[in-house]
Amino acid sequence: MQKNPELVVPLFVPDLGEAENRAVLACLESEWLAMGPQCEAFESAFSAFLGSRYAVSVNSCTAALHLAVKVLDIGEGDEVIVPSLTFAATANAVAYCGAKPVFADVKSPEDWTIDPNAVEALITENTKAIIVMHYGGFPCDMDRFSAIAKEYCLLLIEDACHGLGGSINGQSMGAIGDIGCFSFYSNKVMTTGEGGMLVTNSSSIRERLVRLRSHGMTAGAYDRMKGAMGYDIEEIGYNYRLDDIRAAIGIAQLDRLADSILRRRNLVSMYIENLANVEGVSVPMHGSRGEPAHYIFPILLDRGINREGVRNKMLMLGVQTSIHYPPAHLFTHYRKNARTLPVTEDIAGRLITLPLFPKLTESQVRIVCSTLDQAIKLERGN
């Protein structure tokens, strides 16, 4: 097979335009670039969009997850049940605070969200919280998780890095648990390049998050510009602030998020239609609960097909793919204490993430599907 020197369909292209350009320029002309009025405006707009009382901006979803665990006073001796089919930051945030991440399996090859039955079976006297992750932008079974958290007096954190723009039972993903955490990394449904957000309905949690994201200070630089004459440090915090340039981009992105989600939904429908005749592939619907955000489009290869062989052949034909995710419990750092998660491990060896982004065209969707079909046939020797 001759390698194509150019990428025909990339995995992702950010959806940026003139509104973002104007927002950045206006911020530069304002001469206030650090955390300030744009961050406040972004937080207000974001909390209104989610239907939560408060939003606190930070510089990444990893920072958001860390602060969520920290602000809920989870630490040494505590256990937090987490999924393994997620980016490592979900578990790492627990470890940052000295607590133990306990990995739970996902539901089935048709539903890759964390399994409430598996979670309930892992609860011990040391369990303090559950972190759910809305895989691919599909809602977890939040009715069950809310009931489990209430029955066992556990805290519930939503890793909603995939879920922005989706909902379940009329509630936005991320706005259901005690704290929700969001990512604005460059490939997310909306981006600020780097960035994140926490949402909560608790005023006391919000006040402590605001301090913790900025060294534990009772008044930041923008507060002092507005008249605060000094500050105290009531506890050790972190330098997790978002800046006004990124917040300005976030406001512009949030304004057209609904259109972006609709475009993603239409692209997924095109994919499903075009994949109907591709042998060796299934498209899981992850429980079909609520309204998904369609952050990524993962497919599952039949057992016996060499996943890496298929991906390599697709790349040679000009189509970029990815894997979401290598199981976190199998990484060297966590492997020594991890139990076997048979469903997660089965899925993780067969999944492929196909390109999905608002600027993707219908012809590119057809190219991806035909390339996948060709790669599978080549891998099988057909």
Protein backbone atom coordinates (compact mmCIF):
# COMPACT_ATOMS: atom_id res chain seq x y z
CA MET A 1 0.00 0.00 0.00
CA GLN A 2 1.40 3.41 -0.96
CA LYS A 3 1.31 5.93 1.86
CA ASN A 4 -0.72 9.05 1.21
CA PRO A 5 1.58 12.05 1.94
CA GLU A 6 -1.37 14.26 2.93
CA LEU A 7 -4.06 13.88 5.58
CA VAL A 8 -7.42 13.78 3.82
CA VAL A 9 -9.54 13.81 7.00
CA PRO A 10 -7.95 14.90 10.30
CA LEU A 11 -9.31 13.71 13.63
CA PHE A 12 -10.31 17.21 14.65
CA VAL A 13 -10.23 20.85 13.52
CA PRO A 14 -11.20 23.62 15.99
CA ASP A 15 -14.30 25.60 15.07
CA LEU A 16 -13.09 29.19 15.38
CA GLY A 17 -14.19 32.27 13.48
CA GLU A 18 -14.54 36.01 13.36
CA ALA A 19 -16.40 36.22 16.69
CA GLU A 20 -13.43 34.71 18.50
CA ASN A 21 -11.03 37.04 16.63
CA ARG A 22 -13.04 40.09 17.69
CA ALA A 23 -13.27 38.87 21.28
CA VAL A 24 -9.52 38.39 21.59
CA LEU A 25 -8.75 41.75 19.98
CA ALA A 26 -11.19 43.54 22.30
CA CYS A 27 -9.56 41.86 25.28
CA LEU A 28 -6.09 42.91 24.14
CA GLU A 29 -7.28 46.48 23.62
CA SER A 30 -8.80 46.53 27.13
CA GLU A 31 -5.28 46.11 28.58
CA TRP A 32 -6.57 43.64 31.19
CA LEU A 33 -5.36 40.17 30.21
CA ALA A 34 -5.25 38.14 33.44
CA MET A 35 -8.29 36.79 35.31
CA GLY A 36 -10.77 39.65 35.38
CA PRO A 37 -14.02 40.93 33.87
CA GLN A 38 -14.10 38.46 30.97
CA CYS A 39 -13.71 35.54 33.37
CA GLU A 40 -16.57 36.87 35.47
CA ALA A 41 -18.75 37.28 32.38
CA PHE A 42 -17.83 33.80 31.14
CA GLU A 43 -18.70 32.24 34.50
CA SER A 44 -22.05 34.02 34.59
CA ALA A 45 -22.95 32.96 31.05
CA PHE A 46 -21.80 29.40 31.63
CA SER A 47 -23.78 28.92 34.85
CA ALA A 48 -26.87 30.32 33.11
CA PHE A 49 -26.38 27.93 30.20
CA LEU A 50 -25.99 24.92 32.51
CA GLY A 51 -28.74 25.92 34.91
CA SER A 52 -26.40 25.85 37.91
CA ARG A 53 -26.13 28.60 40.51
CA TYR A 54 -22.38 29.08 40.27
CA ALA A 55 -19.49 28.53 37.87
CA VAL A 56 -15.79 28.92 38.64
CA SER A 57 -13.30 29.12 35.76
CA VAL A 58 -9.91 27.42 35.89
CA ASN A 59 -7.06 26.70 33.48
CA SER A 60 -7.92 23.04 32.72
CA CYS A 61 -10.38 20.29 33.51
CA THR A 62 -7.57 18.55 35.39
CA ALA A 63 -7.40 21.58 37.67
CA ALA A 64 -11.20 21.45 37.98
CA LEU A 65 -11.14 17.78 38.98
CA HIS A 66 -8.34 18.36 41.47
CA LEU A 67 -10.18 21.27 43.08
CA ALA A 68 -13.44 19.30 43.16
CA VAL A 69 -11.78 16.51 45.14
CA LYS A 70 -9.90 18.99 47.34
CA VAL A 71 -12.88 21.22 48.16
CA LEU A 72 -14.95 18.19 49.22
CA ASP A 73 -12.23 17.35 51.77
CA ILE A 74 -11.36 14.00 50.23
CA GLY A 75 -7.90 12.84 51.31
CA GLU A 76 -5.75 10.23 53.01
CA GLY A 77 -7.66 7.04 53.81
CA ASP A 78 -10.57 7.87 51.52
CA GLU A 79 -11.59 5.92 48.44
CA VAL A 80 -13.21 7.39 45.34
CA ILE A 81 -14.83 5.12 42.76
CA VAL A 82 -13.95 6.15 39.21
CA PRO A 83 -14.25 4.72 35.69
CA SER A 84 -11.17 3.35 33.94
CA LEU A 85 -12.42 4.13 30.41
CA THR A 86 -11.50 7.80 30.75
CA PHE A 87 -8.48 10.06 30.53
CA ALA A 88 -6.02 9.50 33.37
CA ALA A 89 -6.79 12.91 34.90
CA THR A 90 -10.01 11.53 36.42
CA ALA A 91 -8.07 9.12 38.62
CA ASN A 92 -5.01 11.34 39.00
CA ALA A 93 -7.09 14.08 40.62
CA VAL A 94 -8.03 11.64 43.37
CA ALA A 95 -4.41 10.62 43.85
CA TYR A 96 -3.28 14.27 44.02
CA CYS A 97 -5.23 14.55 47.27
CA GLY A 98 -3.80 11.36 48.77
CA ALA A 99 -6.99 9.36 48.31
CA LYS A 100 -7.30 6.03 46.48
CA PRO A 101 -9.01 5.76 43.10
CA VAL A 102 -11.00 2.54 42.87
CA PHE A 103 -11.73 1.57 39.28
CA ALA A 104 -15.17 0.35 38.24
CA ASP A 105 -16.21 -1.37 35.03
CA VAL A 106 -18.49 0.05 32.35
CA LYS A 107 -21.92 -1.39 31.62
CA SER A 108 -21.57 -3.38 28.38
CA PRO A 109 -20.16 -3.35 24.82
CA GLU A 110 -23.26 -1.32 23.91
CA ASP A 111 -22.96 1.17 26.81
CA TRP A 112 -19.50 2.41 27.79
CA THR A 113 -20.60 4.56 30.72
CA ILE A 114 -19.64 3.54 34.25
CA ASP A 115 -21.86 0.74 35.62
CA PRO A 116 -23.93 1.63 38.73
CA ASN A 117 -24.08 -2.04 39.77
CA ALA A 118 -20.30 -2.34 39.59
CA VAL A 119 -19.95 0.89 41.57
CA GLU A 120 -22.33 -0.22 44.29
CA ALA A 121 -20.44 -3.50 44.68
CA LEU A 122 -17.20 -1.57 45.33
CA ILE A 123 -18.50 0.65 48.13
CA THR A 124 -16.70 0.19 51.45
CA GLU A 125 -16.58 2.07 54.73
CA ASN A 126 -13.74 4.12 53.22
CA THR A 127 -15.67 5.19 50.12
CA LYS A 128 -16.30 8.93 50.18
CA ALA A 129 -17.26 9.80 46.62
CA ILE A 130 -18.08 8.62 43.12
CA ILE A 131 -16.78 10.32 39.99
CA VAL A 132 -18.82 9.54 36.89
CA MET A 133 -17.67 10.44 33.37
CA HIS A 134 -20.24 10.97 30.62
CA TYR A 135 -18.37 8.97 28.02
CA GLY A 136 -18.48 10.38 24.48
CA GLY A 137 -21.06 12.94 25.59
CA PHE A 138 -23.61 10.25 26.49
CA PRO A 139 -25.20 10.65 29.92
CA CYS A 140 -24.46 8.15 32.65
CA ASP A 141 -27.41 6.63 34.50
CA MET A 142 -27.69 9.64 36.81
CA ASP A 143 -30.93 8.50 38.43
CA ARG A 144 -29.14 5.43 39.75
CA PHE A 145 -26.00 7.30 40.73
CA SER A 146 -27.95 9.98 42.56
CA ALA A 147 -29.86 7.27 44.43
CA ILE A 148 -26.65 5.39 45.31
CA ALA A 149 -24.96 8.57 46.53
CA LYS A 150 -27.97 9.37 48.72
CA GLU A 151 -28.30 5.82 50.11
CA TYR A 152 -24.63 5.54 51.06
CA CYS A 153 -24.08 9.22 51.96
CA LEU A 154 -21.49 9.69 49.23
CA LEU A 155 -20.42 12.75 47.31
CA LEU A 156 -21.07 12.76 43.56
CA ILE A 157 -18.70 14.47 41.12
CA GLU A 158 -19.43 14.66 37.41
CA ASP A 159 -16.47 14.60 35.06
CA ALA A 160 -18.41 16.30 32.28
CA CYS A 161 -15.42 16.92 30.00
CA HIS A 162 -17.36 15.06 27.26
CA GLY A 163 -20.83 16.19 28.24
CA LEU A 164 -21.13 19.93 27.63
CA GLY A 165 -24.29 20.64 25.65
CA GLY A 166 -25.99 17.35 26.53
CA SER A 167 -28.67 16.61 29.09
CA ILE A 168 -30.64 13.92 30.90
CA ASN A 169 -34.11 14.30 32.38
CA GLY A 170 -34.04 17.97 31.39
CA GLN A 171 -30.88 18.65 33.40
CA SER A 172 -27.53 19.53 31.85
CA MET A 173 -24.76 17.01 32.30
CA GLY A 174 -22.42 18.36 34.94
CA ALA A 175 -25.17 20.21 36.82
CA ILE A 176 -26.62 17.18 38.63
CA GLY A 177 -23.99 16.08 41.15
CA ASP A 178 -22.35 18.04 43.97
CA ILE A 179 -19.79 19.46 41.54
CA GLY A 180 -19.43 19.23 37.75
CA CYS A 181 -16.12 19.62 35.90
CA PHE A 182 -15.70 20.74 32.28
CA SER A 183 -12.89 20.96 29.75
CA PHE A 184 -12.30 23.58 27.06
CA TYR A 185 -9.26 21.87 25.55
CA SER A 186 -8.81 22.45 21.83
CA ASN A 187 -10.72 19.33 20.69
CA LYS A 188 -13.74 19.69 22.97
CA VAL A 189 -17.25 20.72 21.86
CA MET A 190 -16.21 24.30 22.68
CA THR A 191 -12.69 25.48 23.26
CA THR A 192 -10.58 28.19 24.84
CA GLY A 193 -7.38 26.39 23.81
CA GLU A 194 -6.71 25.38 27.40
CA GLY A 195 -9.26 25.90 30.13
CA GLY A 196 -11.88 24.39 32.40
CA MET A 197 -14.85 25.15 34.61
CA LEU A 198 -16.47 23.89 37.80
CA VAL A 199 -20.19 24.27 38.51
CA THR A 200 -22.03 23.88 41.80
CA ASN A 201 -25.18 25.00 43.56
CA SER A 202 -23.38 25.46 46.90
CA SER A 203 -22.31 28.99 47.83
CA SER A 204 -19.78 27.69 50.37
CA ILE A 205 -18.19 25.37 47.81
CA ARG A 206 -18.06 28.20 45.28
CA GLU A 207 -16.37 30.58 47.74
CA ARG A 208 -13.69 28.04 48.62
CA LEU A 209 -13.09 27.13 44.98
CA VAL A 210 -12.49 30.80 44.17
CA ARG A 211 -9.80 30.95 46.88
CA LEU A 212 -8.20 27.61 46.06
CA ARG A 213 -7.76 28.39 42.35
CA SER A 214 -5.65 31.44 43.24
CA HIS A 215 -3.13 30.46 45.94
CA GLY A 216 -5.76 30.52 48.71
CA MET A 217 -5.94 34.33 48.48
CA THR A 218 -8.99 36.11 49.84
CA ALA A 219 -8.63 38.83 47.17
CA GLY A 220 -7.04 38.50 43.75
CA ALA A 221 -5.48 41.12 41.50
CA TYR A 222 -8.79 42.09 39.90
CA ASP A 223 -10.42 42.41 43.33
CA ARG A 224 -7.62 44.75 44.37
CA MET A 225 -8.01 46.74 41.18
CA LYS A 226 -11.67 47.20 42.13
CA GLY A 227 -10.72 48.46 45.60
CA ALA A 228 -9.64 45.62 47.91
CA MET A 229 -6.66 46.89 49.91
CA GLY A 230 -4.98 43.58 50.70
CA TYR A 231 -5.46 39.86 51.08
CA ASP A 232 -5.02 36.98 53.46
CA ILE A 233 -4.19 33.34 52.70
CA GLU A 234 -6.51 31.13 54.70
CA GLU A 235 -5.24 27.82 53.26
CA ILE A 236 -2.74 26.68 50.66
CA GLY A 237 -4.15 27.03 47.18
CA TYR A 238 -2.97 26.70 43.59
CA ASN A 239 -2.29 28.78 40.50
CA TYR A 240 -5.25 27.44 38.50
CA ARG A 241 -6.63 30.71 37.16
CA LEU A 242 -8.07 31.16 33.68
CA ASP A 243 -7.12 34.38 31.88
CA ASP A 244 -9.39 36.94 30.25
CA ILE A 245 -8.14 36.20 26.72
CA ARG A 246 -9.31 32.60 26.94
CA ALA A 247 -12.49 33.59 28.74
CA ALA A 248 -13.32 35.98 25.89
CA ILE A 249 -12.93 33.12 23.42
CA GLY A 250 -15.13 30.99 25.68
CA ILE A 251 -17.96 33.53 25.64
CA ALA A 252 -17.89 33.59 21.83
CA GLN A 253 -17.82 29.80 21.68
CA LEU A 254 -20.66 29.44 24.17
CA ASP A 255 -22.85 31.73 22.06
CA ARG A 256 -22.88 29.19 19.23
CA LEU A 257 -22.58 25.96 21.18
CA ALA A 258 -26.17 24.93 20.43
CA ASP A 259 -25.50 25.14 16.69
CA SER A 260 -22.31 23.13 17.13
CA ILE A 261 -24.14 20.37 19.01
CA LEU A 262 -26.83 20.24 16.31
CA ARG A 263 -24.16 19.93 13.63
CA ARG A 264 -22.50 17.11 15.55
CA ARG A 265 -25.84 15.32 15.89
CA ASN A 266 -26.39 15.54 12.13
CA LEU A 267 -22.88 14.26 11.41
CA VAL A 268 -23.45 11.27 13.71
CA SER A 269 -26.62 10.44 11.79
CA MET A 270 -24.62 10.56 8.55
CA TYR A 271 -22.02 8.27 10.05
CA ILE A 272 -24.61 5.72 11.18
CA GLU A 273 -26.19 5.72 7.74
CA ASN A 274 -22.83 5.28 5.96
CA LEU A 275 -21.57 2.61 8.35
CA ALA A 276 -24.65 0.41 7.93
CA ASN A 277 -22.99 -1.61 5.19
CA VAL A 278 -19.49 -1.77 6.70
CA GLU A 279 -18.91 -5.29 7.99
CA GLY A 280 -17.03 -5.83 11.23
CA VAL A 281 -18.19 -2.63 12.93
CA SER A 282 -20.86 -1.75 15.50
CA VAL A 283 -21.95 1.68 16.73
CA PRO A 284 -22.81 1.62 20.45
CA MET A 285 -25.51 4.01 21.66
CA HIS A 286 -24.41 4.03 25.32
CA GLY A 287 -27.82 3.54 26.85
CA SER A 288 -29.67 6.05 24.66
CA ARG A 289 -30.44 8.15 27.74
CA GLY A 290 -31.20 11.85 27.46
CA GLU A 291 -29.76 14.11 24.78
CA PRO A 292 -26.09 13.34 24.06
CA ALA A 293 -23.49 16.00 23.33
CA HIS A 294 -21.74 13.85 20.68
CA TYR A 295 -18.25 14.93 21.70
CA ILE A 296 -16.58 12.00 19.91
CA PHE A 297 -17.71 9.23 17.58
CA PRO A 298 -16.28 5.89 18.75
CA ILE A 299 -17.00 2.61 16.98
CA LEU A 300 -16.32 -0.98 18.03
CA LEU A 301 -14.58 -3.52 15.83
CA ASP A 302 -15.64 -7.15 15.87
CA ARG A 303 -13.42 -9.46 17.88
CA GLY A 304 -10.55 -10.87 15.86
CA ILE A 305 -9.91 -7.72 13.81
CA ASN A 306 -6.50 -6.17 14.48
CA ARG A 307 -7.36 -2.66 15.64
CA GLU A 308 -3.87 -1.20 15.21
CA GLY A 309 -3.64 -2.72 11.74
CA VAL A 310 -6.90 -1.03 10.77
CA ARG A 311 -5.82 2.33 12.21
CA ASN A 312 -2.46 2.21 10.47
CA LYS A 313 -4.07 1.40 7.13
CA MET A 314 -6.58 4.22 7.57
CA LEU A 315 -3.74 6.64 8.29
CA MET A 316 -1.89 5.48 5.16
CA LEU A 317 -5.09 6.23 3.25
CA GLY A 318 -5.24 9.73 4.75
CA VAL A 319 -7.72 9.35 7.63
CA GLN A 320 -6.62 10.08 11.19
CA THR A 321 -8.19 8.18 14.10
CA SER A 322 -7.67 7.95 17.84
CA ILE A 323 -8.42 5.78 20.90
CA HIS A 324 -10.59 7.03 23.78
CA TYR A 325 -9.08 5.57 25.95
CA PRO A 326 -6.35 3.19 27.03
CA PRO A 327 -7.79 1.90 30.33
CA ALA A 328 -6.42 3.94 33.23
CA HIS A 329 -6.28 0.91 35.55
CA LEU A 330 -3.75 -0.76 33.22
CA PHE A 331 -1.22 2.09 33.31
CA THR A 332 1.93 1.16 35.21
CA HIS A 333 1.21 3.51 38.11
CA TYR A 334 -2.22 2.00 38.84
CA ARG A 335 -1.79 -1.56 37.59
CA LYS A 336 -0.27 -3.00 40.77
CA ASN A 337 -3.44 -2.36 42.80
CA ALA A 338 -6.07 -2.74 40.07
CA ARG A 339 -8.59 -5.52 39.65
CA THR A 340 -9.60 -6.94 36.28
CA LEU A 341 -12.32 -5.00 34.49
CA PRO A 342 -13.41 -7.43 31.76
CA VAL A 343 -15.88 -5.21 29.89
CA THR A 344 -13.58 -2.18 29.87
CA GLU A 345 -10.61 -4.28 28.77
CA ASP A 346 -12.58 -5.94 25.97
CA ILE A 347 -13.89 -2.61 24.65
CA ALA A 348 -10.56 -0.81 24.97
CA GLY A 349 -8.84 -3.31 22.70
CA ARG A 350 -11.43 -2.90 19.92
CA LEU A 351 -12.57 0.73 19.91
CA ILE A 352 -11.60 3.34 17.33
CA THR A 353 -12.52 7.03 17.50
CA LEU A 354 -13.42 8.42 14.08
CA PRO A 355 -13.14 12.12 13.12
CA LEU A 356 -15.97 14.33 14.40
CA PHE A 357 -16.02 18.13 14.38
CA PRO A 358 -18.45 20.81 13.11
CA LYS A 359 -16.42 21.63 9.99
CA LEU A 360 -16.45 17.99 8.89
CA THR A 361 -18.29 17.65 5.57
CA GLU A 362 -20.68 14.96 4.37
CA SER A 363 -18.16 13.93 1.70
CA GLN A 364 -15.50 13.54 4.39
CA VAL A 365 -17.85 11.33 6.42
CA ARG A 366 -18.25 9.10 3.36
CA ILE A 367 -14.46 9.04 2.91
CA VAL A 368 -13.93 8.00 6.53
CA CYS A 369 -16.49 5.19 6.28
CA SER A 370 -15.22 3.87 2.94
CA THR A 371 -11.64 4.06 4.22
CA LEU A 372 -12.61 2.11 7.34
CA ASP A 373 -14.31 -0.50 5.17
CA GLN A 374 -11.25 -0.76 2.95
CA ALA A 375 -8.86 -0.97 5.92
CA ILE A 376 -10.88 -3.77 7.54
CA LYS A 377 -10.96 -5.75 4.31
CA LEU A 378 -7.24 -5.29 3.82
CA GLU A 379 -6.56 -6.34 7.40
CA ARG A 380 -8.68 -9.45 6.91
CA GLY A 381 -6.89 -10.22 3.64
CA ASN A 382 -10.00 -9.74 1.51
